Amino acid sequence: MQSGSNLVITGIQENGRKFRPSDWPERLSSTLASFHSDNRLRYSPGVQPCMIEGEYCLVVARWLETVNPVAFDYVMEFARANRLRIQADRRTGERAL
């Protein structure tokens, strides 16, 4: 994935308050996850919970908008409705999604 091709949704709202519940990235990611043959839940490659600088975040691949626009809109509407901060993912190399 190229640098800047992902978005990061943080758990900090536009007013600076922390969004609750704190496990929201896992909850949201699990709605788009699937069970594989080993009976383990696997997150979608386009929507991944992660920790960035000590903060739980959700990384959303921009290609998801083309591949699965319904899923992309679902995630982005969640972020907008809850006034979560959305920014470009500036991580590169191994640290990127």
PDB file of N, CA and C in Angstrom:
ATOM      1  N   MET A   1       0.809  -1.167   0.000  1.00  0.00           N
ATOM      2  CA  MET A   1       0.000   0.000   0.000  1.00  0.00           C
ATOM      3  C   MET A   1       0.867   1.251   0.000  1.00  0.00           C
ATOM      4  N   GLN A   2       0.502   2.238  -0.741  1.00  0.00           N
ATOM      5  CA  GLN A   2       1.285   3.457  -0.815  1.00  0.00           C
ATOM      6  C   GLN A   2       1.019   4.336   0.392  1.00  0.00           C
ATOM      7  N   SER A   3       1.991   5.117   0.747  1.00  0.00           N
ATOM      8  CA  SER A   3       1.831   6.071   1.830  1.00  0.00           C
ATOM      9  C   SER A   3       0.689   7.024   1.487  1.00  0.00           C
ATOM     10  N   GLY A   4      -0.138   7.329   2.476  1.00  0.00           N
ATOM     11  CA  GLY A   4      -1.240   8.246   2.248  1.00  0.00           C
ATOM     12  C   GLY A   4      -2.461   7.598   1.635  1.00  0.00           C
ATOM     13  N   SER A   5      -2.405   6.281   1.390  1.00  0.00           N
ATOM     14  CA  SER A   5      -3.552   5.624   0.782  1.00  0.00           C
ATOM     15  C   SER A   5      -4.531   5.115   1.826  1.00  0.00           C
ATOM     16  N   ASN A   6      -4.292   5.446   3.088  1.00  0.00           N
ATOM     17  CA  ASN A   6      -5.184   5.030   4.167  1.00  0.00           C
ATOM     18  C   ASN A   6      -5.643   6.232   4.966  1.00  0.00           C
ATOM     19  N   LEU A   7      -6.751   6.036   5.649  1.00  0.00           N
ATOM     20  CA  LEU A   7      -7.261   7.032   6.578  1.00  0.00           C
ATOM     21  C   LEU A   7      -7.154   6.461   7.981  1.00  0.00           C
ATOM     22  N   VAL A   8      -6.974   7.326   8.957  1.00  0.00           N
ATOM     23  CA  VAL A   8      -6.946   6.918  10.355  1.00  0.00           C
ATOM     24  C   VAL A   8      -8.086   7.638  11.053  1.00  0.00           C
ATOM     25  N   ILE A   9      -8.929   6.857  11.715  1.00  0.00           N
ATOM     26  CA  ILE A   9      -9.998   7.415  12.535  1.00  0.00           C
ATOM     27  C   ILE A   9      -9.551   7.235  13.974  1.00  0.00           C
ATOM     28  N   THR A  10      -9.439   8.346  14.690  1.00  0.00           N
ATOM     29  CA  THR A  10      -8.959   8.285  16.062  1.00  0.00           C
ATOM     30  C   THR A  10     -10.132   8.246  17.037  1.00  0.00           C
ATOM     31  N   GLY A  11      -9.843   7.846  18.257  1.00  0.00           N
ATOM     32  CA  GLY A  11     -10.849   7.788  19.308  1.00  0.00           C
ATOM     33  C   GLY A  11     -11.037   9.101  20.027  1.00  0.00           C
ATOM     34  N   ILE A  12     -10.550  10.181  19.430  1.00  0.00           N
ATOM     35  CA  ILE A  12     -10.721  11.512  20.003  1.00  0.00           C
ATOM     36  C   ILE A  12     -11.748  12.250  19.144  1.00  0.00           C
ATOM     37  N   GLN A  13     -12.750  12.767  19.801  1.00  0.00           N
ATOM     38  CA  GLN A  13     -13.798  13.498  19.093  1.00  0.00           C
ATOM     39  C   GLN A  13     -13.328  14.897  18.739  1.00  0.00           C
ATOM     40  N   GLU A  14     -14.055  15.544  17.837  1.00  0.00           N
ATOM     41  CA  GLU A  14     -13.698  16.889  17.388  1.00  0.00           C
ATOM     42  C   GLU A  14     -13.603  17.881  18.537  1.00  0.00           C
ATOM     43  N   ASN A  15     -14.364  17.639  19.622  1.00  0.00           N
ATOM     44  CA  ASN A  15     -14.334  18.548  20.777  1.00  0.00           C
ATOM     45  C   ASN A  15     -13.211  18.205  21.748  1.00  0.00           C
ATOM     46  N   GLY A  16     -12.362  17.203  21.394  1.00  0.00           N
ATOM     47  CA  GLY A  16     -11.216  16.838  22.216  1.00  0.00           C
ATOM     48  C   GLY A  16     -11.495  15.771  23.258  1.00  0.00           C
ATOM     49  N   ARG A  17     -12.745  15.343  23.375  1.00  0.00           N
ATOM     50  CA  ARG A  17     -13.092  14.309  24.357  1.00  0.00           C
ATOM     51  C   ARG A  17     -12.826  12.927  23.790  1.00  0.00           C
ATOM     52  N   LYS A  18     -12.527  12.000  24.684  1.00  0.00           N
ATOM     53  CA  LYS A  18     -12.264  10.620  24.303  1.00  0.00           C
ATOM     54  C   LYS A  18     -13.587   9.904  24.047  1.00  0.00           C
ATOM     55  N   PHE A  19     -13.645   9.167  22.940  1.00  0.00           N
ATOM     56  CA  PHE A  19     -14.861   8.441  22.575  1.00  0.00           C
ATOM     57  C   PHE A  19     -14.946   7.144  23.374  1.00  0.00           C
ATOM     58  N   ARG A  20     -16.127   6.828  23.838  1.00  0.00           N
ATOM     59  CA  ARG A  20     -16.388   5.588  24.578  1.00  0.00           C
ATOM     60  C   ARG A  20     -17.414   4.776  23.838  1.00  0.00           C
ATOM     61  N   PRO A  21     -17.375   3.469  23.883  1.00  0.00           N
ATOM     62  CA  PRO A  21     -16.455   2.646  24.661  1.00  0.00           C
ATOM     63  C   PRO A  21     -15.079   2.616  24.008  1.00  0.00           C
ATOM     64  N   SER A  22     -14.070   2.334  24.800  1.00  0.00           N
ATOM     65  CA  SER A  22     -12.691   2.390  24.308  1.00  0.00           C
ATOM     66  C   SER A  22     -12.375   1.299  23.293  1.00  0.00           C
ATOM     67  N   ASP A  23     -13.181   0.237  23.241  1.00  0.00           N
ATOM     68  CA  ASP A  23     -12.917  -0.845  22.282  1.00  0.00           C
ATOM     69  C   ASP A  23     -13.692  -0.661  20.972  1.00  0.00           C
ATOM     70  N   TRP A  24     -14.110   0.563  20.690  1.00  0.00           N
ATOM     71  CA  TRP A  24     -14.889   0.816  19.481  1.00  0.00           C
ATOM     72  C   TRP A  24     -14.191   0.375  18.193  1.00  0.00           C
ATOM     73  N   PRO A  25     -12.831   0.492  18.064  1.00  0.00           N
ATOM     74  CA  PRO A  25     -12.211   0.040  16.808  1.00  0.00           C
ATOM     75  C   PRO A  25     -12.413  -1.460  16.570  1.00  0.00           C
ATOM     76  N   GLU A  26     -12.289  -2.269  17.625  1.00  0.00           N
ATOM     77  CA  GLU A  26     -12.490  -3.713  17.480  1.00  0.00           C
ATOM     78  C   GLU A  26     -13.944  -4.034  17.157  1.00  0.00           C
ATOM     79  N   ARG A  27     -14.858  -3.344  17.811  1.00  0.00           N
ATOM     80  CA  ARG A  27     -16.286  -3.576  17.563  1.00  0.00           C
ATOM     81  C   ARG A  27     -16.652  -3.249  16.123  1.00  0.00           C
ATOM     82  N   LEU A  28     -16.194  -2.099  15.658  1.00  0.00           N
ATOM     83  CA  LEU A  28     -16.508  -1.689  14.291  1.00  0.00           C
ATOM     84  C   LEU A  28     -15.834  -2.610  13.279  1.00  0.00           C
ATOM     85  N   SER A  29     -14.586  -2.970  13.518  1.00  0.00           N
ATOM     86  CA  SER A  29     -13.864  -3.877  12.616  1.00  0.00           C
ATOM     87  C   SER A  29     -14.519  -5.249  12.554  1.00  0.00           C
ATOM     88  N   SER A  30     -15.036  -5.714  13.683  1.00  0.00           N
ATOM     89  CA  SER A  30     -15.630  -7.059  13.702  1.00  0.00           C
ATOM     90  C   SER A  30     -16.901  -7.134  12.875  1.00  0.00           C
ATOM     91  N   THR A  31     -17.577  -5.997  12.651  1.00  0.00           N
ATOM     92  CA  THR A  31     -18.782  -6.033  11.809  1.00  0.00           C
ATOM     93  C   THR A  31     -18.432  -6.320  10.352  1.00  0.00           C
ATOM     94  N   LEU A  32     -17.186  -6.066   9.964  1.00  0.00           N
ATOM     95  CA  LEU A  32     -16.741  -6.315   8.587  1.00  0.00           C
ATOM     96  C   LEU A  32     -15.791  -7.505   8.500  1.00  0.00           C
ATOM     97  N   ALA A  33     -15.599  -8.197   9.619  1.00  0.00           N
ATOM     98  CA  ALA A  33     -14.691  -9.351   9.658  1.00  0.00           C
ATOM     99  C   ALA A  33     -15.434 -10.616   9.227  1.00  0.00           C
ATOM    100  N   SER A  34     -14.681 -11.682   9.027  1.00  0.00           N
ATOM    101  CA  SER A  34     -15.285 -12.970   8.668  1.00  0.00           C
ATOM    102  C   SER A  34     -14.504 -14.094   9.331  1.00  0.00           C
ATOM    103  N   PHE A  35     -15.171 -15.222   9.489  1.00  0.00           N
ATOM    104  CA  PHE A  35     -14.512 -16.397  10.040  1.00  0.00           C
ATOM    105  C   PHE A  35     -13.896 -17.192   8.903  1.00  0.00           C
ATOM    106  N   HIS A  36     -12.674 -17.654   9.092  1.00  0.00           N
ATOM    107  CA  HIS A  36     -11.980 -18.451   8.088  1.00  0.00           C
ATOM    108  C   HIS A  36     -12.082 -19.926   8.448  1.00  0.00           C
ATOM    109  N   SER A  37     -11.511 -20.761   7.624  1.00  0.00           N
ATOM    110  CA  SER A  37     -11.613 -22.213   7.805  1.00  0.00           C
ATOM    111  C   SER A  37     -11.040 -22.684   9.143  1.00  0.00           C
ATOM    112  N   ASP A  38     -10.156 -21.919   9.755  1.00  0.00           N
ATOM    113  CA  ASP A  38      -9.593 -22.289  11.053  1.00  0.00           C
ATOM    114  C   ASP A  38     -10.467 -21.801  12.218  1.00  0.00           C
ATOM    115  N   ASN A  39     -11.684 -21.317  11.878  1.00  0.00           N
ATOM    116  CA  ASN A  39     -12.647 -20.817  12.862  1.00  0.00           C
ATOM    117  C   ASN A  39     -12.159 -19.601  13.641  1.00  0.00           C
ATOM    118  N   ARG A  40     -11.233 -18.877  13.067  1.00  0.00           N
ATOM    119  CA  ARG A  40     -10.735 -17.656  13.695  1.00  0.00           C
ATOM    120  C   ARG A  40     -11.287 -16.454  12.941  1.00  0.00           C
ATOM    121  N   LEU A  41     -11.634 -15.441  13.702  1.00  0.00           N
ATOM    122  CA  LEU A  41     -12.135 -14.214  13.120  1.00  0.00           C
ATOM    123  C   LEU A  41     -10.975 -13.434  12.510  1.00  0.00           C
ATOM    124  N   ARG A  42     -11.131 -13.024  11.275  1.00  0.00           N
ATOM    125  CA  ARG A  42     -10.090 -12.251  10.584  1.00  0.00           C
ATOM    126  C   ARG A  42     -10.682 -10.913  10.160  1.00  0.00           C
ATOM    127  N   TYR A  43      -9.983  -9.854  10.528  1.00  0.00           N
ATOM    128  CA  TYR A  43     -10.433  -8.528  10.130  1.00  0.00           C
ATOM    129  C   TYR A  43     -10.277  -8.351   8.630  1.00  0.00           C
ATOM    130  N   SER A  44     -11.126  -7.532   8.067  1.00  0.00           N
ATOM    131  CA  SER A  44     -11.018  -7.178   6.661  1.00  0.00           C
ATOM    132  C   SER A  44      -9.690  -6.466   6.436  1.00  0.00           C
ATOM    133  N   PRO A  45      -9.005  -6.722   5.325  1.00  0.00           N
ATOM    134  CA  PRO A  45      -7.743  -6.013   5.079  1.00  0.00           C
ATOM    135  C   PRO A  45      -7.943  -4.507   4.880  1.00  0.00           C
ATOM    136  N   GLY A  46      -9.170  -4.093   4.632  1.00  0.00           N
ATOM    137  CA  GLY A  46      -9.446  -2.684   4.409  1.00  0.00           C
ATOM    138  C   GLY A  46      -9.829  -1.906   5.647  1.00  0.00           C
ATOM    139  N   VAL A  47     -10.107  -2.615   6.757  1.00  0.00           N
ATOM    140  CA  VAL A  47     -10.518  -1.959   8.000  1.00  0.00           C
ATOM    141  C   VAL A  47      -9.840  -2.687   9.149  1.00  0.00           C
ATOM    142  N   GLN A  48      -8.845  -2.039   9.755  1.00  0.00           N
ATOM    143  CA  GLN A  48      -8.034  -2.690  10.785  1.00  0.00           C
ATOM    144  C   GLN A  48      -7.943  -1.831  12.046  1.00  0.00           C
ATOM    145  N   PRO A  49      -8.249  -2.414  13.207  1.00  0.00           N
ATOM    146  CA  PRO A  49      -7.994  -1.681  14.444  1.00  0.00           C
ATOM    147  C   PRO A  49      -6.493  -1.674  14.704  1.00  0.00           C
ATOM    148  N   CYS A  50      -5.998  -0.624  15.318  1.00  0.00           N
ATOM    149  CA  CYS A  50      -4.574  -0.572  15.636  1.00  0.00           C
ATOM    150  C   CYS A  50      -4.319   0.433  16.744  1.00  0.00           C
ATOM    151  N   MET A  51      -3.102   0.430  17.216  1.00  0.00           N
ATOM    152  CA  MET A  51      -2.670   1.369  18.242  1.00  0.00           C
ATOM    153  C   MET A  51      -1.632   2.274  17.590  1.00  0.00           C
ATOM    154  N   ILE A  52      -1.880   3.562  17.627  1.00  0.00           N
ATOM    155  CA  ILE A  52      -0.939   4.534  17.079  1.00  0.00           C
ATOM    156  C   ILE A  52      -0.618   5.526  18.189  1.00  0.00           C
ATOM    157  N   GLU A  53       0.652   5.553  18.564  1.00  0.00           N
ATOM    158  CA  GLU A  53       1.126   6.448  19.621  1.00  0.00           C
ATOM    159  C   GLU A  53       0.278   6.335  20.885  1.00  0.00           C
ATOM    160  N   GLY A  54      -0.025   5.084  21.256  1.00  0.00           N
ATOM    161  CA  GLY A  54      -0.752   4.812  22.488  1.00  0.00           C
ATOM    162  C   GLY A  54      -2.252   5.024  22.431  1.00  0.00           C
ATOM    163  N   GLU A  55      -2.790   5.276  21.261  1.00  0.00           N
ATOM    164  CA  GLU A  55      -4.217   5.537  21.117  1.00  0.00           C
ATOM    165  C   GLU A  55      -4.850   4.511  20.182  1.00  0.00           C
ATOM    166  N   TYR A  56      -5.991   3.962  20.608  1.00  0.00           N
ATOM    167  CA  TYR A  56      -6.717   3.035  19.745  1.00  0.00           C
ATOM    168  C   TYR A  56      -7.304   3.792  18.574  1.00  0.00           C
ATOM    169  N   CYS A  57      -7.070   3.256  17.377  1.00  0.00           N
ATOM    170  CA  CYS A  57      -7.522   3.891  16.149  1.00  0.00           C
ATOM    171  C   CYS A  57      -8.073   2.835  15.205  1.00  0.00           C
ATOM    172  N   LEU A  58      -8.671   3.312  14.147  1.00  0.00           N
ATOM    173  CA  LEU A  58      -9.134   2.433  13.081  1.00  0.00           C
ATOM    174  C   LEU A  58      -8.497   2.918  11.791  1.00  0.00           C
ATOM    175  N   VAL A  59      -7.810   2.019  11.093  1.00  0.00           N
ATOM    176  CA  VAL A  59      -7.193   2.363   9.816  1.00  0.00           C
ATOM    177  C   VAL A  59      -8.109   1.849   8.716  1.00  0.00           C
ATOM    178  N   VAL A  60      -8.465   2.736   7.802  1.00  0.00           N
ATOM    179  CA  VAL A  60      -9.374   2.402   6.706  1.00  0.00           C
ATOM    180  C   VAL A  60      -8.636   2.634   5.387  1.00  0.00           C
ATOM    181  N   ALA A  61      -8.533   1.590   4.585  1.00  0.00           N
ATOM    182  CA  ALA A  61      -7.876   1.705   3.279  1.00  0.00           C
ATOM    183  C   ALA A  61      -8.796   2.465   2.331  1.00  0.00           C
ATOM    184  N   ARG A  62      -8.240   3.440   1.645  1.00  0.00           N
ATOM    185  CA  ARG A  62      -9.060   4.227   0.713  1.00  0.00           C
ATOM    186  C   ARG A  62      -9.574   3.398  -0.453  1.00  0.00           C
ATOM    187  N   TRP A  63      -8.876   2.306  -0.799  1.00  0.00           N
ATOM    188  CA  TRP A  63      -9.348   1.468  -1.902  1.00  0.00           C
ATOM    189  C   TRP A  63     -10.681   0.802  -1.566  1.00  0.00           C
ATOM    190  N   LEU A  64     -11.028   0.752  -0.274  1.00  0.00           N
ATOM    191  CA  LEU A  64     -12.295   0.151   0.134  1.00  0.00           C
ATOM    192  C   LEU A  64     -13.472   0.906  -0.467  1.00  0.00           C
ATOM    193  N   GLU A  65     -13.313   2.203  -0.673  1.00  0.00           N
ATOM    194  CA  GLU A  65     -14.388   3.009  -1.259  1.00  0.00           C
ATOM    195  C   GLU A  65     -14.764   2.515  -2.651  1.00  0.00           C
ATOM    196  N   THR A  66     -13.804   2.012  -3.401  1.00  0.00           N
ATOM    197  CA  THR A  66     -14.057   1.485  -4.741  1.00  0.00           C
ATOM    198  C   THR A  66     -14.498   0.023  -4.696  1.00  0.00           C
ATOM    199  N   VAL A  67     -13.813  -0.777  -3.882  1.00  0.00           N
ATOM    200  CA  VAL A  67     -14.066  -2.219  -3.815  1.00  0.00           C
ATOM    201  C   VAL A  67     -15.372  -2.546  -3.091  1.00  0.00           C
ATOM    202  N   ASN A  68     -15.644  -1.837  -2.003  1.00  0.00           N
ATOM    203  CA  ASN A  68     -16.846  -2.087  -1.211  1.00  0.00           C
ATOM    204  C   ASN A  68     -17.376  -0.751  -0.683  1.00  0.00           C
ATOM    205  N   PRO A  69     -18.049   0.024  -1.556  1.00  0.00           N
ATOM    206  CA  PRO A  69     -18.500   1.352  -1.148  1.00  0.00           C
ATOM    207  C   PRO A  69     -19.487   1.340   0.015  1.00  0.00           C
ATOM    208  N   VAL A  70     -20.279   0.292   0.143  1.00  0.00           N
ATOM    209  CA  VAL A  70     -21.226   0.205   1.254  1.00  0.00           C
ATOM    210  C   VAL A  70     -20.477   0.120   2.585  1.00  0.00           C
ATOM    211  N   ALA A  71     -19.449  -0.724   2.646  1.00  0.00           N
ATOM    212  CA  ALA A  71     -18.643  -0.862   3.863  1.00  0.00           C
ATOM    213  C   ALA A  71     -17.907   0.437   4.173  1.00  0.00           C
ATOM    214  N   PHE A  72     -17.338   1.064   3.143  1.00  0.00           N
ATOM    215  CA  PHE A  72     -16.618   2.326   3.335  1.00  0.00           C
ATOM    216  C   PHE A  72     -17.564   3.387   3.886  1.00  0.00           C
ATOM    217  N   ASP A  73     -18.742   3.509   3.286  1.00  0.00           N
ATOM    218  CA  ASP A  73     -19.716   4.498   3.752  1.00  0.00           C
ATOM    219  C   ASP A  73     -20.169   4.212   5.180  1.00  0.00           C
ATOM    220  N   TYR A  74     -20.331   2.949   5.516  1.00  0.00           N
ATOM    221  CA  TYR A  74     -20.737   2.555   6.867  1.00  0.00           C
ATOM    222  C   TYR A  74     -19.721   3.040   7.903  1.00  0.00           C
ATOM    223  N   VAL A  75     -18.461   2.780   7.642  1.00  0.00           N
ATOM    224  CA  VAL A  75     -17.398   3.173   8.568  1.00  0.00           C
ATOM    225  C   VAL A  75     -17.274   4.692   8.645  1.00  0.00           C
ATOM    226  N   MET A  76     -17.301   5.348   7.503  1.00  0.00           N
ATOM    227  CA  MET A  76     -17.143   6.801   7.500  1.00  0.00           C
ATOM    228  C   MET A  76     -18.348   7.500   8.135  1.00  0.00           C
ATOM    229  N   GLU A  77     -19.539   6.962   7.940  1.00  0.00           N
ATOM    230  CA  GLU A  77     -20.717   7.555   8.572  1.00  0.00           C
ATOM    231  C   GLU A  77     -20.662   7.387  10.088  1.00  0.00           C
ATOM    232  N   PHE A  78     -20.147   6.253  10.555  1.00  0.00           N
ATOM    233  CA  PHE A  78     -19.952   6.047  11.989  1.00  0.00           C
ATOM    234  C   PHE A  78     -19.034   7.130  12.545  1.00  0.00           C
ATOM    235  N   ALA A  79     -17.936   7.363  11.847  1.00  0.00           N
ATOM    236  CA  ALA A  79     -16.972   8.377  12.294  1.00  0.00           C
ATOM    237  C   ALA A  79     -17.596   9.771  12.296  1.00  0.00           C
ATOM    238  N   ARG A  80     -18.313  10.097  11.236  1.00  0.00           N
ATOM    239  CA  ARG A  80     -18.944  11.424  11.158  1.00  0.00           C
ATOM    240  C   ARG A  80     -20.031  11.591  12.224  1.00  0.00           C
ATOM    241  N   ALA A  81     -20.863  10.584  12.399  1.00  0.00           N
ATOM    242  CA  ALA A  81     -21.965  10.653  13.366  1.00  0.00           C
ATOM    243  C   ALA A  81     -21.451  10.824  14.797  1.00  0.00           C
ATOM    244  N   ASN A  82     -20.291  10.231  15.071  1.00  0.00           N
ATOM    245  CA  ASN A  82     -19.711  10.317  16.413  1.00  0.00           C
ATOM    246  C   ASN A  82     -18.652  11.402  16.535  1.00  0.00           C
ATOM    247  N   ARG A  83     -18.520  12.195  15.467  1.00  0.00           N
ATOM    248  CA  ARG A  83     -17.595  13.332  15.429  1.00  0.00           C
ATOM    249  C   ARG A  83     -16.157  12.936  15.768  1.00  0.00           C
ATOM    250  N   LEU A  84     -15.742  11.798  15.209  1.00  0.00           N
ATOM    251  CA  LEU A  84     -14.379  11.320  15.425  1.00  0.00           C
ATOM    252  C   LEU A  84     -13.441  11.982  14.424  1.00  0.00           C
ATOM    253  N   ARG A  85     -12.224  12.171  14.820  1.00  0.00           N
ATOM    254  CA  ARG A  85     -11.230  12.790  13.938  1.00  0.00           C
ATOM    255  C   ARG A  85     -10.796  11.795  12.866  1.00  0.00           C
ATOM    256  N   ILE A  86     -10.746  12.294  11.636  1.00  0.00           N
ATOM    257  CA  ILE A  86     -10.319  11.490  10.487  1.00  0.00           C
ATOM    258  C   ILE A  86      -9.137  12.214   9.867  1.00  0.00           C
ATOM    259  N   GLN A  87      -8.050  11.469   9.638  1.00  0.00           N
ATOM    260  CA  GLN A  87      -6.859  12.083   9.046  1.00  0.00           C
ATOM    261  C   GLN A  87      -6.175  11.078   8.139  1.00  0.00           C
ATOM    262  N   ALA A  88      -5.280  11.572   7.311  1.00  0.00           N
ATOM    263  CA  ALA A  88      -4.492  10.701   6.449  1.00  0.00           C
ATOM    264  C   ALA A  88      -3.499   9.923   7.302  1.00  0.00           C
ATOM    265  N   ASP A  89      -3.279   8.668   6.952  1.00  0.00           N
ATOM    266  CA  ASP A  89      -2.286   7.847   7.637  1.00  0.00           C
ATOM    267  C   ASP A  89      -0.914   8.220   7.092  1.00  0.00           C
ATOM    268  N   ARG A  90      -0.063   8.745   7.952  1.00  0.00           N
ATOM    269  CA  ARG A  90       1.262   9.201   7.524  1.00  0.00           C
ATOM    270  C   ARG A  90       2.347   8.167   7.786  1.00  0.00           C
ATOM    271  N   ARG A  91       1.957   7.023   8.345  1.00  0.00           N
ATOM    272  CA  ARG A  91       2.964   5.987   8.625  1.00  0.00           C
ATOM    273  C   ARG A  91       3.429   5.358   7.327  1.00  0.00           C
ATOM    274  N   THR A  92       4.665   4.912   7.298  1.00  0.00           N
ATOM    275  CA  THR A  92       5.234   4.286   6.116  1.00  0.00           C
ATOM    276  C   THR A  92       5.922   2.989   6.481  1.00  0.00           C
ATOM    277  N   GLY A  93       6.280   2.221   5.478  1.00  0.00           N
ATOM    278  CA  GLY A  93       7.027   0.974   5.680  1.00  0.00           C
ATOM    279  C   GLY A  93       6.261  -0.038   6.498  1.00  0.00           C
ATOM    280  N   GLU A  94       6.937  -0.712   7.396  1.00  0.00           N
ATOM    281  CA  GLU A  94       6.343  -1.778   8.195  1.00  0.00           C
ATOM    282  C   GLU A  94       5.236  -1.265   9.114  1.00  0.00           C
ATOM    283  N   ARG A  95       5.283   0.003   9.461  1.00  0.00           N
ATOM    284  CA  ARG A  95       4.287   0.557  10.373  1.00  0.00           C
ATOM    285  C   ARG A  95       2.961   0.812   9.686  1.00  0.00           C
ATOM    286  N   ALA A  96       2.934   0.872   8.346  1.00  0.00           N
ATOM    287  CA  ALA A  96       1.696   1.118   7.618  1.00  0.00           C
ATOM    288  C   ALA A  96       0.861  -0.160   7.557  1.00  0.00           C
ATOM    289  N   LEU A  97      -0.420   0.021   7.266  1.00  0.00           N
ATOM    290  CA  LEU A  97      -1.336  -1.108   7.161  1.00  0.00           C
ATOM    291  C   LEU A  97      -0.912  -2.053   6.065  1.00  0.00           C
TER     292      LEU A  97
END
